[in-house]
Amino acid sequence: MPRLQAAGFEEAWPAVDWADWPRMLASIHADVGLAPLFHNAFNQGRSELHRVEFGALAVPTVAERWRGPGPYDVIRGDGVDGFLARGRQEWSDKIGALAKSPQLRADIGGRARERIVAEYNCRDRVHEIADAYMWAATNAGIGRKVRDQEAPSSNR
């Protein structure tokens, strides 16, 4: 099994199958969840899934702050149920504050978990999920149509 490791981290964890991901994430006992993203159109359209996963485990998240709308805009206020950061200094400050204070981690992680439990369950979101599938079904191939319209005629 391959091992993933990065400089500056004291632990290495094996790659896991998707079905084992929730159990693996919980077994890590993380202190802080990080969700950095490059600023591009693809990442701007991503979901807040990393914040949801960390929040479900009561782990405070530091996520990418965008100039415009971004996937982590759902984080409430800086330090309420997570942190948003942009640029090296902001990332360093937010991670540093969490690293220095177990109480801050517990407070923010606890509020994040309360929010995830209250807002992210299938029973309450079933209509939203159904609407998303209905939109996808009725707009099948929309990306291909746009791509074909934008392509130069010599590439068709």
N, C-alpha and C. Protein backbone atom coordinates (compact mmCIF):
# COMPACT_ATOMS: atom_id res chain seq x y z
N MET A 1 0.85 -1.17 0.00
CA MET A 1 0.00 0.00 0.00
C MET A 1 0.90 1.25 0.00
N PRO A 2 0.65 2.21 -0.91
CA PRO A 2 1.50 3.40 -0.95
C PRO A 2 1.31 4.26 0.29
N ARG A 3 2.37 4.96 0.69
CA ARG A 3 2.31 5.86 1.84
C ARG A 3 2.43 7.28 1.34
N LEU A 4 1.62 8.16 1.86
CA LEU A 4 1.67 9.57 1.51
C LEU A 4 2.40 10.31 2.62
N GLN A 5 3.37 11.12 2.26
CA GLN A 5 4.14 11.84 3.26
C GLN A 5 4.57 13.18 2.69
N ALA A 6 4.62 14.19 3.52
CA ALA A 6 5.05 15.52 3.10
C ALA A 6 6.03 16.08 4.11
N ALA A 7 6.98 16.87 3.64
CA ALA A 7 7.97 17.48 4.54
C ALA A 7 7.26 18.35 5.56
N GLY A 8 7.71 18.30 6.80
CA GLY A 8 7.13 19.13 7.85
C GLY A 8 6.01 18.46 8.61
N PHE A 9 5.57 17.30 8.18
CA PHE A 9 4.51 16.59 8.88
C PHE A 9 5.12 15.41 9.61
N GLU A 10 4.66 15.17 10.81
CA GLU A 10 5.27 14.11 11.61
C GLU A 10 4.61 12.76 11.40
N GLU A 11 3.53 12.70 10.64
CA GLU A 11 2.84 11.43 10.43
C GLU A 11 2.66 11.16 8.95
N ALA A 12 2.62 9.92 8.57
CA ALA A 12 2.32 9.52 7.20
C ALA A 12 1.15 8.54 7.26
N TRP A 13 0.22 8.68 6.33
CA TRP A 13 -0.96 7.83 6.32
C TRP A 13 -1.06 7.12 4.98
N PRO A 14 -1.50 5.88 4.98
CA PRO A 14 -1.62 5.14 3.71
C PRO A 14 -2.78 5.67 2.88
N ALA A 15 -2.66 5.52 1.57
CA ALA A 15 -3.79 5.82 0.69
C ALA A 15 -4.89 4.80 0.99
N VAL A 16 -6.14 5.24 0.90
CA VAL A 16 -7.25 4.34 1.23
C VAL A 16 -8.29 4.35 0.13
N ASP A 17 -9.08 3.30 0.08
CA ASP A 17 -10.21 3.24 -0.84
C ASP A 17 -11.27 4.24 -0.39
N TRP A 18 -12.06 4.72 -1.32
CA TRP A 18 -13.08 5.72 -1.04
C TRP A 18 -14.03 5.27 0.07
N ALA A 19 -14.43 4.01 0.06
CA ALA A 19 -15.37 3.51 1.06
C ALA A 19 -14.79 3.57 2.48
N ASP A 20 -13.46 3.53 2.59
CA ASP A 20 -12.81 3.56 3.90
C ASP A 20 -12.47 4.98 4.36
N TRP A 21 -12.72 5.98 3.51
CA TRP A 21 -12.31 7.36 3.82
C TRP A 21 -12.90 7.90 5.12
N PRO A 22 -14.20 7.79 5.40
CA PRO A 22 -14.72 8.36 6.66
C PRO A 22 -14.05 7.78 7.89
N ARG A 23 -13.87 6.47 7.92
CA ARG A 23 -13.23 5.84 9.07
C ARG A 23 -11.76 6.28 9.18
N MET A 24 -11.07 6.38 8.06
CA MET A 24 -9.67 6.80 8.06
C MET A 24 -9.55 8.24 8.54
N LEU A 25 -10.41 9.12 8.04
CA LEU A 25 -10.36 10.52 8.45
C LEU A 25 -10.58 10.65 9.96
N ALA A 26 -11.55 9.93 10.48
CA ALA A 26 -11.82 9.98 11.92
C ALA A 26 -10.65 9.42 12.73
N SER A 27 -9.97 8.43 12.21
CA SER A 27 -8.87 7.80 12.97
C SER A 27 -7.64 8.69 13.06
N ILE A 28 -7.55 9.69 12.24
CA ILE A 28 -6.38 10.59 12.25
C ILE A 28 -6.36 11.46 13.49
N HIS A 29 -7.53 11.80 14.02
CA HIS A 29 -7.64 12.69 15.18
C HIS A 29 -6.94 14.02 14.91
N ALA A 30 -7.30 14.63 13.79
CA ALA A 30 -6.66 15.88 13.36
C ALA A 30 -6.98 17.02 14.32
N ASP A 31 -6.05 17.94 14.46
CA ASP A 31 -6.26 19.14 15.27
C ASP A 31 -6.83 20.28 14.44
N VAL A 32 -6.42 20.36 13.17
CA VAL A 32 -6.85 21.44 12.28
C VAL A 32 -7.02 20.85 10.88
N GLY A 33 -8.09 21.24 10.20
CA GLY A 33 -8.31 20.84 8.82
C GLY A 33 -7.92 21.96 7.89
N LEU A 34 -7.18 21.67 6.84
CA LEU A 34 -6.74 22.67 5.89
C LEU A 34 -7.41 22.45 4.55
N ALA A 35 -7.88 23.54 3.94
CA ALA A 35 -8.54 23.46 2.64
C ALA A 35 -8.04 24.58 1.73
N PRO A 36 -6.77 24.50 1.32
CA PRO A 36 -6.25 25.51 0.39
C PRO A 36 -6.65 25.18 -1.04
N LEU A 37 -6.84 26.20 -1.85
CA LEU A 37 -7.17 25.99 -3.26
C LEU A 37 -6.46 27.05 -4.11
N PHE A 38 -6.01 26.65 -5.29
CA PHE A 38 -5.55 27.64 -6.26
C PHE A 38 -6.76 28.40 -6.76
N HIS A 39 -6.58 29.64 -7.07
CA HIS A 39 -7.68 30.46 -7.58
C HIS A 39 -7.82 30.25 -9.09
N ASN A 40 -8.78 29.40 -9.46
CA ASN A 40 -9.10 29.19 -10.87
C ASN A 40 -10.57 28.82 -10.97
N ALA A 41 -11.09 28.80 -12.19
CA ALA A 41 -12.53 28.57 -12.40
C ALA A 41 -12.96 27.20 -11.88
N PHE A 42 -12.13 26.19 -12.06
CA PHE A 42 -12.49 24.86 -11.59
C PHE A 42 -12.67 24.85 -10.08
N ASN A 43 -11.70 25.38 -9.36
CA ASN A 43 -11.78 25.38 -7.89
C ASN A 43 -12.87 26.29 -7.37
N GLN A 44 -13.18 27.35 -8.09
CA GLN A 44 -14.24 28.25 -7.66
C GLN A 44 -15.59 27.52 -7.65
N GLY A 45 -15.74 26.52 -8.50
CA GLY A 45 -16.98 25.77 -8.57
C GLY A 45 -17.03 24.55 -7.66
N ARG A 46 -16.01 24.35 -6.86
CA ARG A 46 -16.00 23.20 -5.95
C ARG A 46 -16.98 23.40 -4.80
N SER A 47 -17.22 22.33 -4.08
CA SER A 47 -18.13 22.40 -2.94
C SER A 47 -17.35 22.60 -1.65
N GLU A 48 -18.08 22.75 -0.57
CA GLU A 48 -17.48 22.93 0.75
C GLU A 48 -17.27 21.59 1.46
N LEU A 49 -17.13 20.51 0.70
CA LEU A 49 -17.06 19.16 1.27
C LEU A 49 -15.98 19.00 2.33
N HIS A 50 -14.79 19.55 2.09
CA HIS A 50 -13.73 19.40 3.10
C HIS A 50 -14.16 20.01 4.43
N ARG A 51 -14.79 21.17 4.40
CA ARG A 51 -15.26 21.79 5.63
C ARG A 51 -16.32 20.92 6.29
N VAL A 52 -17.17 20.32 5.52
CA VAL A 52 -18.21 19.44 6.07
C VAL A 52 -17.56 18.23 6.75
N GLU A 53 -16.59 17.62 6.08
CA GLU A 53 -15.93 16.44 6.66
C GLU A 53 -15.22 16.81 7.97
N PHE A 54 -14.45 17.88 7.96
CA PHE A 54 -13.75 18.29 9.17
C PHE A 54 -14.74 18.70 10.26
N GLY A 55 -15.76 19.46 9.88
CA GLY A 55 -16.74 19.92 10.85
C GLY A 55 -17.49 18.78 11.52
N ALA A 56 -17.81 17.74 10.75
CA ALA A 56 -18.49 16.58 11.32
C ALA A 56 -17.66 15.93 12.42
N LEU A 57 -16.34 16.09 12.34
CA LEU A 57 -15.43 15.53 13.35
C LEU A 57 -15.05 16.56 14.41
N ALA A 58 -15.69 17.73 14.39
CA ALA A 58 -15.39 18.83 15.32
C ALA A 58 -13.95 19.32 15.19
N VAL A 59 -13.45 19.30 13.97
CA VAL A 59 -12.10 19.79 13.67
C VAL A 59 -12.24 21.16 13.01
N PRO A 60 -11.62 22.20 13.58
CA PRO A 60 -11.72 23.53 12.96
C PRO A 60 -11.00 23.55 11.61
N THR A 61 -11.56 24.28 10.66
CA THR A 61 -11.02 24.34 9.32
C THR A 61 -10.46 25.71 9.01
N VAL A 62 -9.32 25.74 8.35
CA VAL A 62 -8.78 26.95 7.74
C VAL A 62 -8.89 26.72 6.24
N ALA A 63 -9.68 27.56 5.56
CA ALA A 63 -9.97 27.36 4.14
C ALA A 63 -9.62 28.61 3.34
N GLU A 64 -9.53 28.42 2.04
CA GLU A 64 -9.16 29.50 1.13
C GLU A 64 -10.23 30.58 1.06
N ARG A 65 -9.82 31.83 1.22
CA ARG A 65 -10.70 32.99 1.07
C ARG A 65 -10.52 33.53 -0.35
N TRP A 66 -11.63 33.74 -1.04
CA TRP A 66 -11.61 34.23 -2.41
C TRP A 66 -11.95 35.72 -2.44
N ARG A 67 -11.53 36.39 -3.48
CA ARG A 67 -11.90 37.81 -3.66
C ARG A 67 -13.38 37.92 -3.99
N GLY A 68 -13.89 36.98 -4.74
CA GLY A 68 -15.31 36.91 -5.07
C GLY A 68 -15.90 35.68 -4.43
N PRO A 69 -17.00 35.18 -4.97
CA PRO A 69 -17.62 33.98 -4.41
C PRO A 69 -16.68 32.78 -4.50
N GLY A 70 -16.69 31.97 -3.48
CA GLY A 70 -15.85 30.78 -3.44
C GLY A 70 -16.52 29.67 -2.67
N PRO A 71 -15.96 28.47 -2.73
CA PRO A 71 -16.60 27.30 -2.14
C PRO A 71 -16.69 27.33 -0.61
N TYR A 72 -15.87 28.13 0.04
CA TYR A 72 -15.88 28.12 1.51
C TYR A 72 -16.55 29.36 2.10
N ASP A 73 -17.30 30.08 1.27
CA ASP A 73 -18.03 31.24 1.77
C ASP A 73 -19.04 30.87 2.85
N VAL A 74 -19.36 29.60 2.97
CA VAL A 74 -20.33 29.15 3.97
C VAL A 74 -19.77 29.23 5.39
N ILE A 75 -18.46 29.36 5.53
CA ILE A 75 -17.88 29.51 6.87
C ILE A 75 -18.35 30.84 7.43
N ARG A 76 -18.89 30.80 8.64
CA ARG A 76 -19.47 32.00 9.26
C ARG A 76 -18.42 32.79 10.01
N GLY A 77 -18.26 34.03 9.63
CA GLY A 77 -17.38 34.92 10.37
C GLY A 77 -16.03 34.32 10.66
N ASP A 78 -15.04 35.11 10.64
CA ASP A 78 -13.70 34.60 10.88
C ASP A 78 -13.57 34.15 12.33
N GLY A 79 -13.50 32.85 12.52
CA GLY A 79 -13.35 32.30 13.86
C GLY A 79 -14.64 31.85 14.50
N VAL A 80 -15.77 31.96 13.81
CA VAL A 80 -17.02 31.47 14.39
C VAL A 80 -17.08 29.96 14.25
N ASP A 81 -17.09 29.45 13.02
CA ASP A 81 -17.07 28.00 12.82
C ASP A 81 -15.98 27.58 11.85
N GLY A 82 -14.97 28.41 11.72
CA GLY A 82 -13.81 28.14 10.87
C GLY A 82 -13.08 29.43 10.58
N PHE A 83 -12.04 29.34 9.80
CA PHE A 83 -11.27 30.52 9.39
C PHE A 83 -11.14 30.52 7.88
N LEU A 84 -11.11 31.70 7.29
CA LEU A 84 -10.78 31.89 5.89
C LEU A 84 -9.45 32.62 5.82
N ALA A 85 -8.60 32.21 4.89
CA ALA A 85 -7.27 32.83 4.78
C ALA A 85 -6.89 32.97 3.32
N ARG A 86 -6.17 34.03 3.03
CA ARG A 86 -5.64 34.25 1.68
C ARG A 86 -4.25 34.84 1.82
N GLY A 87 -3.30 34.22 1.21
CA GLY A 87 -1.93 34.69 1.29
C GLY A 87 -1.18 34.04 2.44
N ARG A 88 0.11 33.99 2.29
CA ARG A 88 0.98 33.29 3.24
C ARG A 88 0.80 33.79 4.67
N GLN A 89 0.73 35.10 4.89
CA GLN A 89 0.65 35.63 6.25
C GLN A 89 -0.66 35.27 6.93
N GLU A 90 -1.78 35.40 6.22
CA GLU A 90 -3.07 35.03 6.81
C GLU A 90 -3.11 33.54 7.15
N TRP A 91 -2.61 32.70 6.26
CA TRP A 91 -2.59 31.26 6.55
C TRP A 91 -1.75 30.99 7.79
N SER A 92 -0.59 31.61 7.86
CA SER A 92 0.29 31.41 9.00
C SER A 92 -0.37 31.88 10.30
N ASP A 93 -1.01 33.04 10.26
CA ASP A 93 -1.66 33.59 11.46
C ASP A 93 -2.79 32.70 11.95
N LYS A 94 -3.64 32.24 11.04
CA LYS A 94 -4.81 31.44 11.42
C LYS A 94 -4.39 30.06 11.93
N ILE A 95 -3.49 29.41 11.22
CA ILE A 95 -3.01 28.10 11.66
C ILE A 95 -2.27 28.24 12.99
N GLY A 96 -1.47 29.30 13.11
CA GLY A 96 -0.72 29.53 14.34
C GLY A 96 -1.63 29.73 15.54
N ALA A 97 -2.70 30.52 15.35
CA ALA A 97 -3.64 30.75 16.45
C ALA A 97 -4.28 29.44 16.92
N LEU A 98 -4.66 28.60 15.96
CA LEU A 98 -5.25 27.30 16.32
C LEU A 98 -4.22 26.37 16.95
N ALA A 99 -3.00 26.39 16.44
CA ALA A 99 -1.96 25.52 16.99
C ALA A 99 -1.65 25.87 18.44
N LYS A 100 -1.73 27.15 18.78
CA LYS A 100 -1.37 27.61 20.13
C LYS A 100 -2.49 27.43 21.16
N SER A 101 -3.73 27.24 20.70
CA SER A 101 -4.84 27.27 21.64
C SER A 101 -5.77 26.06 21.50
N PRO A 102 -5.62 25.07 22.36
CA PRO A 102 -6.57 23.95 22.35
C PRO A 102 -8.00 24.41 22.58
N GLN A 103 -8.18 25.46 23.38
CA GLN A 103 -9.53 25.95 23.65
C GLN A 103 -10.16 26.56 22.40
N LEU A 104 -9.38 27.32 21.64
CA LEU A 104 -9.88 27.89 20.38
C LEU A 104 -10.25 26.78 19.42
N ARG A 105 -9.40 25.75 19.31
CA ARG A 105 -9.72 24.61 18.44
C ARG A 105 -11.02 23.95 18.87
N ALA A 106 -11.18 23.75 20.18
CA ALA A 106 -12.40 23.09 20.69
C ALA A 106 -13.63 23.95 20.44
N ASP A 107 -13.52 25.25 20.66
CA ASP A 107 -14.66 26.15 20.47
C ASP A 107 -15.11 26.18 19.00
N ILE A 108 -14.15 26.43 18.11
CA ILE A 108 -14.49 26.53 16.69
C ILE A 108 -14.92 25.17 16.15
N GLY A 109 -14.21 24.11 16.52
CA GLY A 109 -14.59 22.78 16.07
C GLY A 109 -15.97 22.38 16.57
N GLY A 110 -16.29 22.72 17.80
CA GLY A 110 -17.61 22.40 18.36
C GLY A 110 -18.72 23.14 17.62
N ARG A 111 -18.51 24.42 17.34
CA ARG A 111 -19.53 25.18 16.59
C ARG A 111 -19.67 24.65 15.16
N ALA A 112 -18.55 24.26 14.57
CA ALA A 112 -18.61 23.69 13.22
C ALA A 112 -19.43 22.40 13.22
N ARG A 113 -19.19 21.54 14.20
CA ARG A 113 -19.92 20.27 14.27
C ARG A 113 -21.41 20.51 14.51
N GLU A 114 -21.74 21.43 15.41
CA GLU A 114 -23.15 21.75 15.65
C GLU A 114 -23.83 22.18 14.36
N ARG A 115 -23.16 22.97 13.58
CA ARG A 115 -23.75 23.46 12.34
C ARG A 115 -23.90 22.34 11.32
N ILE A 116 -22.90 21.48 11.21
CA ILE A 116 -22.97 20.37 10.26
C ILE A 116 -24.14 19.45 10.63
N VAL A 117 -24.26 19.11 11.90
CA VAL A 117 -25.35 18.24 12.34
C VAL A 117 -26.71 18.89 12.06
N ALA A 118 -26.80 20.19 12.28
CA ALA A 118 -28.08 20.89 12.08
C ALA A 118 -28.43 21.09 10.60
N GLU A 119 -27.43 21.31 9.75
CA GLU A 119 -27.71 21.73 8.37
C GLU A 119 -27.40 20.71 7.29
N TYR A 120 -26.63 19.70 7.58
CA TYR A 120 -26.19 18.78 6.53
C TYR A 120 -26.67 17.36 6.82
N ASN A 121 -27.95 17.14 6.62
CA ASN A 121 -28.45 15.78 6.73
C ASN A 121 -29.39 15.52 5.57
N CYS A 122 -29.46 14.29 5.14
CA CYS A 122 -30.24 13.94 3.95
C CYS A 122 -31.71 14.26 4.09
N ARG A 123 -32.25 14.07 5.28
CA ARG A 123 -33.69 14.30 5.48
C ARG A 123 -34.05 15.76 5.17
N ASP A 124 -33.21 16.70 5.61
CA ASP A 124 -33.50 18.11 5.37
C ASP A 124 -33.07 18.59 3.99
N ARG A 125 -32.13 17.89 3.36
CA ARG A 125 -31.59 18.36 2.09
C ARG A 125 -32.03 17.52 0.90
N VAL A 126 -32.94 16.58 1.11
CA VAL A 126 -33.34 15.67 0.05
C VAL A 126 -33.90 16.43 -1.17
N HIS A 127 -34.65 17.49 -0.96
CA HIS A 127 -35.21 18.24 -2.09
C HIS A 127 -34.11 18.99 -2.85
N GLU A 128 -33.15 19.52 -2.13
CA GLU A 128 -32.01 20.19 -2.78
C GLU A 128 -31.22 19.20 -3.64
N ILE A 129 -31.00 18.00 -3.10
CA ILE A 129 -30.26 16.97 -3.83
C ILE A 129 -31.07 16.53 -5.05
N ALA A 130 -32.36 16.32 -4.87
CA ALA A 130 -33.22 15.93 -6.00
C ALA A 130 -33.25 17.00 -7.07
N ASP A 131 -33.30 18.26 -6.68
CA ASP A 131 -33.27 19.36 -7.66
C ASP A 131 -31.97 19.37 -8.45
N ALA A 132 -30.86 19.10 -7.78
CA ALA A 132 -29.56 19.06 -8.47
C ALA A 132 -29.53 17.94 -9.50
N TYR A 133 -30.04 16.75 -9.13
CA TYR A 133 -30.08 15.65 -10.09
C TYR A 133 -31.03 15.95 -11.24
N MET A 134 -32.16 16.59 -10.95
CA MET A 134 -33.11 16.93 -12.00
C MET A 134 -32.48 17.93 -12.97
N TRP A 135 -31.78 18.93 -12.45
CA TRP A 135 -31.11 19.90 -13.32
C TRP A 135 -30.09 19.18 -14.21
N ALA A 136 -29.29 18.29 -13.61
CA ALA A 136 -28.27 17.57 -14.38
C ALA A 136 -28.92 16.72 -15.47
N ALA A 137 -30.04 16.08 -15.16
CA ALA A 137 -30.72 15.24 -16.14
C ALA A 137 -31.31 16.05 -17.28
N THR A 138 -31.86 17.20 -16.97
CA THR A 138 -32.47 18.03 -18.02
C THR A 138 -31.47 18.86 -18.79
N ASN A 139 -30.26 18.98 -18.28
CA ASN A 139 -29.22 19.76 -18.96
C ASN A 139 -28.05 18.88 -19.38
N ALA A 140 -28.33 17.62 -19.63
CA ALA A 140 -27.27 16.67 -20.00
C ALA A 140 -26.53 17.18 -21.23
N GLY A 141 -25.22 17.12 -21.19
CA GLY A 141 -24.40 17.51 -22.33
C GLY A 141 -24.16 19.00 -22.47
N ILE A 142 -24.64 19.81 -21.50
CA ILE A 142 -24.49 21.26 -21.62
C ILE A 142 -23.02 21.67 -21.72
N GLY A 143 -22.15 21.02 -20.98
CA GLY A 143 -20.73 21.35 -21.06
C GLY A 143 -20.15 21.07 -22.43
N ARG A 144 -20.56 19.96 -23.03
CA ARG A 144 -20.09 19.60 -24.36
C ARG A 144 -20.58 20.61 -25.39
N LYS A 145 -21.84 21.06 -25.27
CA LYS A 145 -22.39 22.03 -26.21
C LYS A 145 -21.63 23.35 -26.14
N VAL A 146 -21.35 23.81 -24.93
CA VAL A 146 -20.61 25.05 -24.76
C VAL A 146 -19.21 24.90 -25.33
N ARG A 147 -18.56 23.79 -25.02
CA ARG A 147 -17.20 23.55 -25.50
C ARG A 147 -17.18 23.53 -27.03
N ASP A 148 -18.15 22.87 -27.65
CA ASP A 148 -18.20 22.79 -29.10
C ASP A 148 -18.46 24.16 -29.73
N GLN A 149 -19.26 24.98 -29.09
CA GLN A 149 -19.54 26.32 -29.62
C GLN A 149 -18.32 27.22 -29.53
N GLU A 150 -17.49 27.03 -28.50
CA GLU A 150 -16.32 27.88 -28.31
C GLU A 150 -15.12 27.41 -29.11
N ALA A 151 -15.13 26.17 -29.59
CA ALA A 151 -13.98 25.61 -30.29
C ALA A 151 -13.84 26.27 -31.67
N PRO A 152 -12.61 26.58 -32.08
CA PRO A 152 -12.41 27.11 -33.44
C PRO A 152 -12.86 26.08 -34.47
N SER A 153 -13.36 26.53 -35.59
CA SER A 153 -13.92 25.63 -36.61
C SER A 153 -12.88 24.66 -37.13
N SER A 154 -11.59 25.01 -37.09
CA SER A 154 -10.55 24.11 -37.58
C SER A 154 -10.36 22.90 -36.67
N ASN A 155 -10.83 22.98 -35.44
CA ASN A 155 -10.68 21.87 -34.49
C ASN A 155 -11.88 20.95 -34.47
N ARG A 156 -12.89 21.22 -35.24
CA ARG A 156 -14.11 20.40 -35.20
C ARG A 156 -13.99 19.20 -36.06
